């Protein structure tokens, strides 16, 4: 059972890093890159539902912050199982 917790933790950690990278890259002049496209595909799976409930404040999309908070809560719940 511990290896499942470790796998979930590593997946959540990787996803968190990808969300941060995607958010940082979104502030740069947009360049179409295959790696960035893969990061966008992976993170959109999580960010789209969050964006449905959390609208941007001004021109700032706070859905990555909310998604990371949700991921960290899930990580802590899984850790305590």
Protein backbone atom coordinates (compact mmCIF):
# COMPACT_ATOMS: atom_id res chain seq x y z
CA UNK A 1 0.00 0.00 0.00
CA UNK A 2 2.90 2.37 0.67
CA UNK A 3 4.07 2.16 -2.93
CA UNK A 4 0.63 3.33 -4.09
CA UNK A 5 0.84 6.34 -1.78
CA UNK A 6 4.34 7.08 -3.08
CA UNK A 7 3.16 6.80 -6.69
CA UNK A 8 0.21 9.13 -6.07
CA UNK A 9 2.49 11.58 -4.26
CA UNK A 10 5.00 11.58 -7.13
CA UNK A 11 2.21 12.03 -9.70
CA UNK A 12 0.76 14.97 -7.76
CA UNK A 13 4.22 16.50 -7.37
CA UNK A 14 4.98 16.14 -11.08
CA UNK A 15 1.61 17.63 -12.00
CA UNK A 16 2.22 20.55 -9.64
CA UNK A 17 5.57 21.27 -11.29
CA UNK A 18 3.98 21.09 -14.74
CA UNK A 19 1.25 23.52 -13.69
CA UNK A 20 3.88 25.98 -12.41
CA UNK A 21 5.93 25.63 -15.60
CA UNK A 22 2.83 26.10 -17.73
CA UNK A 23 1.81 29.20 -15.76
CA UNK A 24 5.28 30.73 -16.07
CA UNK A 25 5.51 30.00 -19.78
CA UNK A 26 2.09 31.57 -20.35
CA UNK A 27 3.57 34.94 -19.33
CA UNK A 28 6.27 34.74 -21.99
CA UNK A 29 5.77 35.49 -25.66
CA UNK A 30 4.00 32.41 -26.90
CA UNK A 31 6.13 30.08 -28.96
CA UNK A 32 4.66 26.88 -30.31
CA UNK A 33 6.83 24.08 -28.98
CA UNK A 34 6.08 20.38 -28.84
CA UNK A 35 7.14 20.12 -25.18
CA UNK A 36 4.99 23.09 -24.19
CA UNK A 37 2.08 21.56 -26.08
CA UNK A 38 2.43 18.32 -24.07
CA UNK A 39 2.60 20.30 -20.79
CA UNK A 40 -0.50 22.21 -21.82
CA UNK A 41 -2.37 18.99 -22.67
CA UNK A 42 -1.48 17.42 -19.32
CA UNK A 43 -2.33 20.46 -17.22
CA UNK A 44 -5.50 21.37 -19.11
CA UNK A 45 -6.97 18.09 -17.90
CA UNK A 46 -6.89 19.58 -14.39
CA UNK A 47 -7.16 23.30 -15.12
CA UNK A 48 -10.24 23.27 -17.37
CA UNK A 49 -12.64 22.09 -14.65
CA UNK A 50 -11.13 24.62 -12.23
CA UNK A 51 -11.49 27.40 -14.81
CA UNK A 52 -15.16 26.49 -15.13
CA UNK A 53 -15.74 27.44 -11.48
CA UNK A 54 -13.04 30.09 -10.95
CA UNK A 55 -13.14 32.97 -13.40
CA UNK A 56 -10.09 35.18 -14.03
CA UNK A 57 -9.64 38.23 -11.84
CA UNK A 58 -9.05 41.03 -14.30
CA UNK A 59 -6.69 39.45 -16.81
CA UNK A 60 -5.10 37.11 -14.27
CA UNK A 61 -6.05 33.44 -14.36
CA UNK A 62 -5.83 32.12 -10.81
CA UNK A 63 -6.91 28.59 -11.72
CA UNK A 64 -3.33 27.23 -11.47
CA UNK A 65 -3.15 28.42 -7.86
CA UNK A 66 -6.50 26.85 -7.01
CA UNK A 67 -5.53 23.61 -8.80
CA UNK A 68 -2.26 23.39 -6.86
CA UNK A 69 -4.11 23.93 -3.57
CA UNK A 70 -6.58 21.16 -4.48
CA UNK A 71 -3.71 18.83 -5.46
CA UNK A 72 -1.94 19.50 -2.16
CA UNK A 73 -5.13 18.75 -0.21
CA UNK A 74 -5.58 15.48 -2.11
CA UNK A 75 -1.92 14.63 -1.46
CA UNK A 76 -2.36 15.15 2.30
CA UNK A 77 -5.54 13.05 2.34
CA UNK A 78 -3.83 10.18 0.52
CA UNK A 79 -0.81 10.48 2.83
CA UNK A 80 -3.02 9.95 5.90
CA UNK A 81 -4.79 6.86 4.55
